[in-house]
Amino acid sequence: MEEREKSMETLCSFYVSDWHIVTMLLPYINAQINENKKVSTILEKDIEMRVLELLGKLNLKNEEKMKQINWKPTNGYKYEVVHQMLDEEKEKPQVILVCGNRDFIEKTRQNIEKWKQGKEKVQLKLIDCYEVTEFNCHIQEILDQHDKILNTSGEREIVDVFEGYQKKA
């Protein structure tokens, strides 16, 4: 994998169901909005109903802002979609959630990295969310492509979550 610019941090996350990913993401997104970061999604599946239902049960400061996030499927594997989304507020630090199967995530990530070329000042945090049944025995490869991991306790170093993990050069 190519060396990424320091202005793009990558996280990975693993989930077992739509409820699991929504429960894990909403408090994290709330915190990111509190830090004045723009949050965008590139989703393969529609999770809007789950998000709205859970937001109705939680008391989060940024509930209205989270409702305005697009929780419906996006054609993120198309460069034009990524380009338009990222160009909207490129002066503001951005968090991009990419959720889908491995192929969808990889194609979307390529488009984000292509857009990012030559934009060193743009601060991006990319969070790739993998459904557990989709990646099976490729966990080492996935972990090697990311800086940190996001789980229900928040952002963590990979070695803190996967004991004995060593990043391949």
N, C-alpha and C. Protein backbone atom coordinates (compact mmCIF):
# COMPACT_ATOMS: atom_id res chain seq x y z
N MET A 1 0.83 -1.18 0.00
CA MET A 1 0.00 0.00 0.00
C MET A 1 0.87 1.25 0.00
N GLU A 2 0.46 2.26 -0.77
CA GLU A 2 1.22 3.49 -0.84
C GLU A 2 1.18 4.22 0.49
N GLU A 3 2.24 4.99 0.74
CA GLU A 3 2.27 5.83 1.94
C GLU A 3 1.27 6.97 1.78
N ARG A 4 0.33 7.08 2.71
CA ARG A 4 -0.67 8.15 2.66
C ARG A 4 -0.11 9.43 3.24
N GLU A 5 -0.71 10.51 2.84
CA GLU A 5 -0.36 11.80 3.41
C GLU A 5 -0.77 11.81 4.87
N LYS A 6 -0.04 12.55 5.69
CA LYS A 6 -0.33 12.64 7.12
C LYS A 6 -1.68 13.30 7.39
N SER A 7 -2.23 14.01 6.43
CA SER A 7 -3.49 14.70 6.64
C SER A 7 -4.71 13.78 6.45
N MET A 8 -4.46 12.48 6.25
CA MET A 8 -5.57 11.53 6.15
C MET A 8 -5.31 10.37 7.11
N GLU A 9 -6.15 10.28 8.11
CA GLU A 9 -6.07 9.19 9.07
C GLU A 9 -7.11 8.15 8.69
N THR A 10 -6.74 6.87 8.81
CA THR A 10 -7.68 5.82 8.45
C THR A 10 -7.97 4.93 9.66
N LEU A 11 -9.25 4.59 9.81
CA LEU A 11 -9.71 3.69 10.86
C LEU A 11 -10.51 2.58 10.19
N CYS A 12 -10.54 1.44 10.84
CA CYS A 12 -11.42 0.38 10.38
C CYS A 12 -12.34 0.01 11.54
N SER A 13 -13.45 -0.57 11.19
CA SER A 13 -14.41 -1.01 12.18
C SER A 13 -15.08 -2.27 11.66
N PHE A 14 -15.46 -3.12 12.58
CA PHE A 14 -16.11 -4.38 12.22
C PHE A 14 -17.44 -4.47 12.96
N TYR A 15 -18.48 -4.90 12.26
CA TYR A 15 -19.80 -4.98 12.88
C TYR A 15 -20.51 -6.26 12.46
N VAL A 16 -21.49 -6.66 13.27
CA VAL A 16 -22.20 -7.91 13.00
C VAL A 16 -23.63 -7.68 12.49
N SER A 17 -24.15 -6.47 12.66
CA SER A 17 -25.50 -6.17 12.18
C SER A 17 -25.66 -4.67 12.01
N ASP A 18 -26.75 -4.26 11.38
CA ASP A 18 -27.03 -2.84 11.21
C ASP A 18 -27.17 -2.16 12.57
N TRP A 19 -27.83 -2.83 13.52
CA TRP A 19 -27.97 -2.27 14.86
C TRP A 19 -26.62 -2.07 15.53
N HIS A 20 -25.74 -3.01 15.35
CA HIS A 20 -24.41 -2.92 15.96
C HIS A 20 -23.65 -1.70 15.41
N ILE A 21 -23.64 -1.52 14.11
CA ILE A 21 -22.89 -0.41 13.52
C ILE A 21 -23.50 0.94 13.93
N VAL A 22 -24.81 1.03 13.96
CA VAL A 22 -25.48 2.27 14.34
C VAL A 22 -25.20 2.59 15.81
N THR A 23 -25.29 1.59 16.66
CA THR A 23 -25.02 1.79 18.09
C THR A 23 -23.59 2.23 18.33
N MET A 24 -22.68 1.71 17.56
CA MET A 24 -21.26 2.06 17.69
C MET A 24 -20.98 3.46 17.13
N LEU A 25 -21.59 3.79 16.01
CA LEU A 25 -21.26 5.03 15.32
C LEU A 25 -21.88 6.30 15.90
N LEU A 26 -23.11 6.23 16.36
CA LEU A 26 -23.80 7.46 16.76
C LEU A 26 -23.09 8.25 17.86
N PRO A 27 -22.66 7.62 18.96
CA PRO A 27 -21.92 8.42 19.96
C PRO A 27 -20.61 8.99 19.40
N TYR A 28 -19.95 8.24 18.56
CA TYR A 28 -18.70 8.70 17.95
C TYR A 28 -18.97 9.90 17.04
N ILE A 29 -20.01 9.80 16.22
CA ILE A 29 -20.36 10.90 15.31
C ILE A 29 -20.74 12.14 16.11
N ASN A 30 -21.48 11.95 17.18
CA ASN A 30 -21.86 13.06 18.04
C ASN A 30 -20.60 13.80 18.52
N ALA A 31 -19.60 13.05 18.95
CA ALA A 31 -18.34 13.65 19.42
C ALA A 31 -17.62 14.37 18.28
N GLN A 32 -17.63 13.82 17.08
CA GLN A 32 -16.97 14.45 15.95
C GLN A 32 -17.65 15.77 15.58
N ILE A 33 -18.97 15.79 15.64
CA ILE A 33 -19.71 17.03 15.38
C ILE A 33 -19.39 18.06 16.45
N ASN A 34 -19.26 17.62 17.71
CA ASN A 34 -18.88 18.53 18.79
C ASN A 34 -17.53 19.19 18.52
N GLU A 35 -16.65 18.47 17.81
CA GLU A 35 -15.34 19.01 17.45
C GLU A 35 -15.39 19.82 16.16
N ASN A 36 -16.60 20.13 15.68
CA ASN A 36 -16.83 20.94 14.49
C ASN A 36 -16.30 20.29 13.21
N LYS A 37 -16.42 18.97 13.13
CA LYS A 37 -16.02 18.26 11.91
C LYS A 37 -17.25 17.94 11.08
N LYS A 38 -17.08 18.00 9.78
CA LYS A 38 -18.15 17.61 8.87
C LYS A 38 -18.15 16.08 8.79
N VAL A 39 -19.32 15.48 8.90
CA VAL A 39 -19.44 14.03 8.81
C VAL A 39 -20.25 13.68 7.57
N SER A 40 -19.69 12.80 6.74
CA SER A 40 -20.35 12.34 5.52
C SER A 40 -20.35 10.82 5.52
N THR A 41 -21.28 10.27 4.77
CA THR A 41 -21.34 8.81 4.66
C THR A 41 -21.34 8.39 3.21
N ILE A 42 -20.75 7.23 2.98
CA ILE A 42 -20.82 6.54 1.69
C ILE A 42 -21.21 5.11 2.05
N LEU A 43 -22.48 4.80 1.85
CA LEU A 43 -23.04 3.54 2.33
C LEU A 43 -23.52 2.65 1.19
N GLU A 44 -23.31 1.38 1.38
CA GLU A 44 -23.84 0.42 0.41
C GLU A 44 -25.27 0.04 0.76
N LYS A 45 -25.59 0.03 2.05
CA LYS A 45 -26.93 -0.35 2.52
C LYS A 45 -27.61 0.84 3.19
N ASP A 46 -28.92 0.84 3.20
CA ASP A 46 -29.72 1.86 3.84
C ASP A 46 -29.83 1.54 5.34
N ILE A 47 -29.34 2.46 6.19
CA ILE A 47 -29.45 2.26 7.63
C ILE A 47 -30.22 3.41 8.29
N GLU A 48 -30.90 4.20 7.47
CA GLU A 48 -31.60 5.38 7.98
C GLU A 48 -32.64 5.04 9.05
N MET A 49 -33.44 4.04 8.84
CA MET A 49 -34.49 3.67 9.81
C MET A 49 -33.87 3.33 11.16
N ARG A 50 -32.78 2.59 11.16
CA ARG A 50 -32.10 2.22 12.41
C ARG A 50 -31.56 3.47 13.11
N VAL A 51 -30.95 4.35 12.34
CA VAL A 51 -30.37 5.58 12.90
C VAL A 51 -31.47 6.42 13.55
N LEU A 52 -32.56 6.65 12.81
CA LEU A 52 -33.64 7.49 13.34
C LEU A 52 -34.28 6.87 14.58
N GLU A 53 -34.45 5.56 14.56
CA GLU A 53 -35.03 4.88 15.72
C GLU A 53 -34.13 5.02 16.95
N LEU A 54 -32.84 4.80 16.76
CA LEU A 54 -31.92 4.90 17.89
C LEU A 54 -31.77 6.35 18.36
N LEU A 55 -31.74 7.30 17.44
CA LEU A 55 -31.66 8.71 17.84
C LEU A 55 -32.86 9.11 18.68
N GLY A 56 -34.02 8.52 18.39
CA GLY A 56 -35.22 8.80 19.17
C GLY A 56 -35.13 8.31 20.60
N LYS A 57 -34.24 7.35 20.85
CA LYS A 57 -34.09 6.78 22.19
C LYS A 57 -32.92 7.37 22.96
N LEU A 58 -32.03 8.04 22.25
CA LEU A 58 -30.85 8.63 22.89
C LEU A 58 -31.06 10.13 23.11
N ASN A 59 -30.29 10.68 23.99
CA ASN A 59 -30.33 12.11 24.23
C ASN A 59 -28.97 12.68 23.84
N LEU A 60 -28.77 12.85 22.54
CA LEU A 60 -27.49 13.36 22.04
C LEU A 60 -27.62 14.82 21.65
N LYS A 61 -26.60 15.58 21.98
CA LYS A 61 -26.58 17.02 21.75
C LYS A 61 -26.80 17.39 20.28
N ASN A 62 -26.25 16.61 19.39
CA ASN A 62 -26.28 16.93 17.96
C ASN A 62 -27.28 16.10 17.17
N GLU A 63 -28.39 15.75 17.80
CA GLU A 63 -29.38 14.88 17.16
C GLU A 63 -29.85 15.43 15.82
N GLU A 64 -30.17 16.71 15.76
CA GLU A 64 -30.67 17.28 14.50
C GLU A 64 -29.61 17.25 13.41
N LYS A 65 -28.37 17.52 13.75
CA LYS A 65 -27.29 17.46 12.76
C LYS A 65 -27.09 16.03 12.27
N MET A 66 -27.24 15.06 13.17
CA MET A 66 -27.07 13.66 12.77
C MET A 66 -28.21 13.20 11.87
N LYS A 67 -29.39 13.74 12.07
CA LYS A 67 -30.52 13.41 11.20
C LYS A 67 -30.30 13.94 9.79
N GLN A 68 -29.52 15.00 9.66
CA GLN A 68 -29.26 15.60 8.35
C GLN A 68 -28.20 14.84 7.54
N ILE A 69 -27.48 13.95 8.19
CA ILE A 69 -26.48 13.13 7.49
C ILE A 69 -27.22 12.14 6.59
N ASN A 70 -26.68 11.88 5.43
CA ASN A 70 -27.30 10.93 4.50
C ASN A 70 -27.03 9.50 4.96
N TRP A 71 -28.05 8.80 5.41
CA TRP A 71 -27.91 7.42 5.89
C TRP A 71 -28.42 6.42 4.85
N LYS A 72 -28.64 6.88 3.64
CA LYS A 72 -29.11 6.01 2.55
C LYS A 72 -27.92 5.61 1.67
N PRO A 73 -28.10 4.58 0.86
CA PRO A 73 -27.00 4.13 -0.02
C PRO A 73 -26.50 5.24 -0.95
N THR A 74 -25.20 5.20 -1.19
CA THR A 74 -24.52 6.18 -2.04
C THR A 74 -23.64 5.42 -3.03
N ASN A 75 -23.53 5.92 -4.22
CA ASN A 75 -22.65 5.30 -5.21
C ASN A 75 -21.23 5.81 -5.02
N GLY A 76 -20.64 5.51 -3.87
CA GLY A 76 -19.31 6.01 -3.54
C GLY A 76 -18.21 5.45 -4.41
N TYR A 77 -18.51 4.36 -5.08
CA TYR A 77 -17.51 3.80 -5.96
C TYR A 77 -17.38 4.62 -7.23
N LYS A 78 -18.24 5.62 -7.40
CA LYS A 78 -18.14 6.52 -8.54
C LYS A 78 -17.38 7.77 -8.11
N TYR A 79 -16.35 8.11 -8.83
CA TYR A 79 -15.50 9.24 -8.47
C TYR A 79 -16.28 10.55 -8.38
N GLU A 80 -17.23 10.76 -9.27
CA GLU A 80 -18.00 12.01 -9.28
C GLU A 80 -18.73 12.22 -7.96
N VAL A 81 -19.25 11.16 -7.38
CA VAL A 81 -19.97 11.24 -6.11
C VAL A 81 -19.01 11.66 -4.99
N VAL A 82 -17.85 11.01 -4.93
CA VAL A 82 -16.85 11.34 -3.92
C VAL A 82 -16.37 12.77 -4.10
N HIS A 83 -16.06 13.14 -5.32
CA HIS A 83 -15.56 14.49 -5.63
C HIS A 83 -16.54 15.56 -5.16
N GLN A 84 -17.80 15.41 -5.51
CA GLN A 84 -18.81 16.39 -5.15
C GLN A 84 -18.97 16.47 -3.63
N MET A 85 -19.03 15.34 -2.96
CA MET A 85 -19.23 15.30 -1.52
C MET A 85 -18.06 15.96 -0.78
N LEU A 86 -16.85 15.64 -1.16
CA LEU A 86 -15.67 16.16 -0.47
C LEU A 86 -15.39 17.62 -0.78
N ASP A 87 -15.78 18.08 -1.95
CA ASP A 87 -15.55 19.47 -2.33
C ASP A 87 -16.46 20.45 -1.59
N GLU A 88 -17.58 19.97 -1.03
CA GLU A 88 -18.55 20.85 -0.40
C GLU A 88 -17.96 21.73 0.69
N GLU A 89 -17.22 21.15 1.61
CA GLU A 89 -16.64 21.92 2.73
C GLU A 89 -15.20 21.47 2.97
N LYS A 90 -14.36 21.61 1.97
CA LYS A 90 -13.01 21.08 2.11
C LYS A 90 -12.12 21.88 3.06
N GLU A 91 -12.57 23.06 3.49
CA GLU A 91 -11.80 23.84 4.47
C GLU A 91 -11.97 23.28 5.88
N LYS A 92 -13.03 22.54 6.10
CA LYS A 92 -13.38 22.02 7.42
C LYS A 92 -12.88 20.57 7.53
N PRO A 93 -12.34 20.16 8.70
CA PRO A 93 -11.96 18.74 8.86
C PRO A 93 -13.17 17.84 8.61
N GLN A 94 -12.93 16.74 7.89
CA GLN A 94 -14.03 15.86 7.52
C GLN A 94 -13.82 14.44 8.02
N VAL A 95 -14.93 13.83 8.41
CA VAL A 95 -14.97 12.42 8.77
C VAL A 95 -15.85 11.75 7.74
N ILE A 96 -15.33 10.70 7.10
CA ILE A 96 -16.07 10.00 6.07
C ILE A 96 -16.26 8.55 6.50
N LEU A 97 -17.50 8.14 6.64
CA LEU A 97 -17.83 6.76 6.99
C LEU A 97 -18.13 6.01 5.70
N VAL A 98 -17.39 4.94 5.46
CA VAL A 98 -17.63 4.10 4.29
C VAL A 98 -18.04 2.74 4.82
N CYS A 99 -19.23 2.32 4.45
CA CYS A 99 -19.77 1.08 5.00
C CYS A 99 -20.30 0.22 3.87
N GLY A 100 -19.80 -1.01 3.78
CA GLY A 100 -20.24 -1.91 2.73
C GLY A 100 -19.36 -3.14 2.65
N ASN A 101 -19.50 -3.85 1.54
CA ASN A 101 -18.65 -5.02 1.38
C ASN A 101 -17.23 -4.57 1.02
N ARG A 102 -16.32 -5.49 1.03
CA ARG A 102 -14.90 -5.16 0.85
C ARG A 102 -14.63 -4.48 -0.50
N ASP A 103 -15.24 -4.97 -1.55
CA ASP A 103 -15.04 -4.39 -2.87
C ASP A 103 -15.56 -2.95 -2.92
N PHE A 104 -16.73 -2.71 -2.35
CA PHE A 104 -17.31 -1.37 -2.29
C PHE A 104 -16.38 -0.42 -1.54
N ILE A 105 -15.87 -0.86 -0.40
CA ILE A 105 -14.97 -0.05 0.42
C ILE A 105 -13.68 0.25 -0.33
N GLU A 106 -13.10 -0.76 -0.98
CA GLU A 106 -11.84 -0.55 -1.69
C GLU A 106 -11.99 0.42 -2.86
N LYS A 107 -13.07 0.29 -3.64
CA LYS A 107 -13.29 1.20 -4.76
C LYS A 107 -13.54 2.63 -4.27
N THR A 108 -14.31 2.75 -3.20
CA THR A 108 -14.59 4.07 -2.64
C THR A 108 -13.31 4.70 -2.11
N ARG A 109 -12.51 3.91 -1.43
CA ARG A 109 -11.25 4.42 -0.87
C ARG A 109 -10.31 4.90 -1.97
N GLN A 110 -10.24 4.18 -3.07
CA GLN A 110 -9.41 4.60 -4.20
C GLN A 110 -9.86 5.97 -4.71
N ASN A 111 -11.18 6.18 -4.77
CA ASN A 111 -11.70 7.47 -5.23
C ASN A 111 -11.39 8.59 -4.24
N ILE A 112 -11.46 8.29 -2.95
CA ILE A 112 -11.13 9.29 -1.93
C ILE A 112 -9.65 9.65 -2.02
N GLU A 113 -8.79 8.64 -2.15
CA GLU A 113 -7.36 8.90 -2.26
C GLU A 113 -7.02 9.66 -3.53
N LYS A 114 -7.72 9.37 -4.62
CA LYS A 114 -7.51 10.09 -5.88
C LYS A 114 -7.90 11.55 -5.70
N TRP A 115 -9.05 11.80 -5.05
CA TRP A 115 -9.49 13.18 -4.82
C TRP A 115 -8.51 13.92 -3.91
N LYS A 116 -7.95 13.23 -2.95
CA LYS A 116 -7.07 13.82 -1.93
C LYS A 116 -5.72 14.26 -2.49
N GLN A 117 -5.30 13.69 -3.61
CA GLN A 117 -4.00 14.04 -4.18
C GLN A 117 -3.90 15.53 -4.43
N GLY A 118 -2.81 16.12 -3.92
CA GLY A 118 -2.57 17.54 -4.10
C GLY A 118 -3.34 18.44 -3.14
N LYS A 119 -4.05 17.83 -2.21
CA LYS A 119 -4.83 18.62 -1.24
C LYS A 119 -4.32 18.32 0.17
N GLU A 120 -3.06 18.62 0.41
CA GLU A 120 -2.41 18.30 1.68
C GLU A 120 -3.05 19.00 2.87
N LYS A 121 -3.64 20.17 2.65
CA LYS A 121 -4.22 20.93 3.76
C LYS A 121 -5.59 20.40 4.19
N VAL A 122 -6.22 19.58 3.36
CA VAL A 122 -7.53 19.04 3.70
C VAL A 122 -7.35 17.91 4.72
N GLN A 123 -8.01 18.05 5.87
CA GLN A 123 -7.91 17.06 6.93
C GLN A 123 -9.06 16.05 6.80
N LEU A 124 -8.71 14.78 6.57
CA LEU A 124 -9.71 13.73 6.43
C LEU A 124 -9.47 12.63 7.46
N LYS A 125 -10.57 12.11 7.97
CA LYS A 125 -10.53 10.89 8.77
C LYS A 125 -11.47 9.92 8.06
N LEU A 126 -10.93 8.84 7.55
CA LEU A 126 -11.69 7.85 6.80
C LEU A 126 -11.93 6.64 7.69
N ILE A 127 -13.20 6.28 7.84
CA ILE A 127 -13.56 5.12 8.66
C ILE A 127 -14.22 4.08 7.76
N ASP A 128 -13.53 2.96 7.54
CA ASP A 128 -14.05 1.86 6.74
C ASP A 128 -14.73 0.86 7.66
N CYS A 129 -16.02 0.63 7.46
CA CYS A 129 -16.80 -0.27 8.30
C CYS A 129 -17.12 -1.55 7.55
N TYR A 130 -16.58 -2.66 8.05
CA TYR A 130 -16.73 -3.97 7.41
C TYR A 130 -17.71 -4.84 8.18
N GLU A 131 -18.64 -5.44 7.47
CA GLU A 131 -19.51 -6.42 8.11
C GLU A 131 -18.68 -7.69 8.32
N VAL A 132 -18.76 -8.25 9.50
CA VAL A 132 -17.92 -9.39 9.88
C VAL A 132 -18.00 -10.53 8.88
N THR A 133 -19.16 -10.83 8.37
CA THR A 133 -19.31 -11.97 7.45
C THR A 133 -18.67 -11.71 6.10
N GLU A 134 -18.31 -10.46 5.80
CA GLU A 134 -17.77 -10.11 4.49
C GLU A 134 -16.27 -10.30 4.35
N PHE A 135 -15.51 -10.27 5.43
CA PHE A 135 -14.06 -10.26 5.26
C PHE A 135 -13.40 -11.57 5.66
N ASN A 136 -14.04 -12.36 6.47
CA ASN A 136 -13.58 -13.69 6.85
C ASN A 136 -12.11 -13.77 7.24
N CYS A 137 -11.26 -14.32 6.42
CA CYS A 137 -9.87 -14.58 6.80
C CYS A 137 -8.92 -13.46 6.37
N HIS A 138 -9.42 -12.33 5.95
CA HIS A 138 -8.56 -11.25 5.46
C HIS A 138 -8.36 -10.15 6.48
N ILE A 139 -8.55 -10.45 7.74
CA ILE A 139 -8.48 -9.41 8.77
C ILE A 139 -7.09 -8.77 8.84
N GLN A 140 -6.03 -9.55 8.69
CA GLN A 140 -4.66 -9.01 8.74
C GLN A 140 -4.48 -7.96 7.65
N GLU A 141 -4.93 -8.24 6.43
CA GLU A 141 -4.82 -7.29 5.33
C GLU A 141 -5.58 -6.00 5.63
N ILE A 142 -6.77 -6.14 6.17
CA ILE A 142 -7.59 -4.97 6.49
C ILE A 142 -6.92 -4.13 7.57
N LEU A 143 -6.46 -4.77 8.62
CA LEU A 143 -5.79 -4.04 9.70
C LEU A 143 -4.54 -3.33 9.21
N ASP A 144 -3.78 -3.97 8.32
CA ASP A 144 -2.55 -3.38 7.79
C ASP A 144 -2.82 -2.10 7.00
N GLN A 145 -4.01 -1.95 6.46
CA GLN A 145 -4.35 -0.78 5.65
C GLN A 145 -4.85 0.40 6.47
N HIS A 146 -4.92 0.25 7.80
CA HIS A 146 -5.51 1.28 8.64
C HIS A 146 -4.58 1.69 9.78
N ASP A 147 -4.79 2.92 10.27
CA ASP A 147 -3.99 3.45 11.36
C ASP A 147 -4.52 3.04 12.73
N LYS A 148 -5.84 3.00 12.86
CA LYS A 148 -6.49 2.68 14.14
C LYS A 148 -7.75 1.87 13.88
N ILE A 149 -8.43 1.54 14.98
CA ILE A 149 -9.68 0.80 14.89
C ILE A 149 -10.74 1.55 15.70
N LEU A 150 -11.97 1.49 15.23
CA LEU A 150 -13.09 2.08 15.95
C LEU A 150 -13.98 0.94 16.41
N ASN A 151 -14.26 0.91 17.72
CA ASN A 151 -15.20 -0.08 18.23
C ASN A 151 -16.13 0.61 19.22
N THR A 152 -16.89 -0.15 19.97
CA THR A 152 -17.89 0.45 20.86
C THR A 152 -17.27 1.32 21.95
N SER A 153 -15.99 1.16 22.23
CA SER A 153 -15.34 2.02 23.23
C SER A 153 -14.63 3.21 22.58
N GLY A 154 -14.78 3.40 21.29
CA GLY A 154 -14.20 4.55 20.59
C GLY A 154 -12.99 4.21 19.76
N GLU A 155 -12.19 5.23 19.43
CA GLU A 155 -10.97 5.06 18.64
C GLU A 155 -9.91 4.40 19.50
N ARG A 156 -9.28 3.36 18.96
CA ARG A 156 -8.23 2.64 19.70
C ARG A 156 -7.09 2.30 18.75
N GLU A 157 -5.92 2.12 19.35
CA GLU A 157 -4.79 1.58 18.59
C GLU A 157 -5.12 0.12 18.28
N ILE A 158 -4.74 -0.35 17.12
CA ILE A 158 -5.05 -1.72 16.71
C ILE A 158 -4.45 -2.73 17.68
N VAL A 159 -3.22 -2.49 18.13
CA VAL A 159 -2.57 -3.44 19.04
C VAL A 159 -3.28 -3.53 20.39
N ASP A 160 -4.04 -2.50 20.76
CA ASP A 160 -4.80 -2.55 22.00
C ASP A 160 -6.04 -3.43 21.89
N VAL A 161 -6.53 -3.59 20.66
CA VAL A 161 -7.74 -4.39 20.44
C VAL A 161 -7.38 -5.82 20.03
N PHE A 162 -6.37 -5.95 19.19
CA PHE A 162 -5.93 -7.26 18.71
C PHE A 162 -4.55 -7.56 19.29
N GLU A 163 -4.56 -8.21 20.43
CA GLU A 163 -3.31 -8.52 21.12
C GLU A 163 -2.38 -9.35 20.22
N GLY A 164 -1.15 -8.96 20.16
CA GLY A 164 -0.17 -9.68 19.34
C GLY A 164 -0.12 -9.22 17.90
N TYR A 165 -0.97 -8.28 17.51
CA TYR A 165 -0.98 -7.79 16.13
C TYR A 165 0.32 -7.03 15.84
N GLN A 166 0.90 -7.31 14.69
CA GLN A 166 2.06 -6.56 14.21
C GLN A 166 1.82 -6.20 12.77
N LYS A 167 1.92 -4.91 12.48
CA LYS A 167 1.68 -4.41 11.14
C LYS A 167 2.77 -4.90 10.20
N LYS A 168 2.36 -5.42 9.06
CA LYS A 168 3.32 -5.87 8.05
C LYS A 168 3.85 -4.67 7.30
N ALA A 169 5.12 -4.71 7.00
CA ALA A 169 5.74 -3.58 6.29
C ALA A 169 5.31 -3.55 4.85
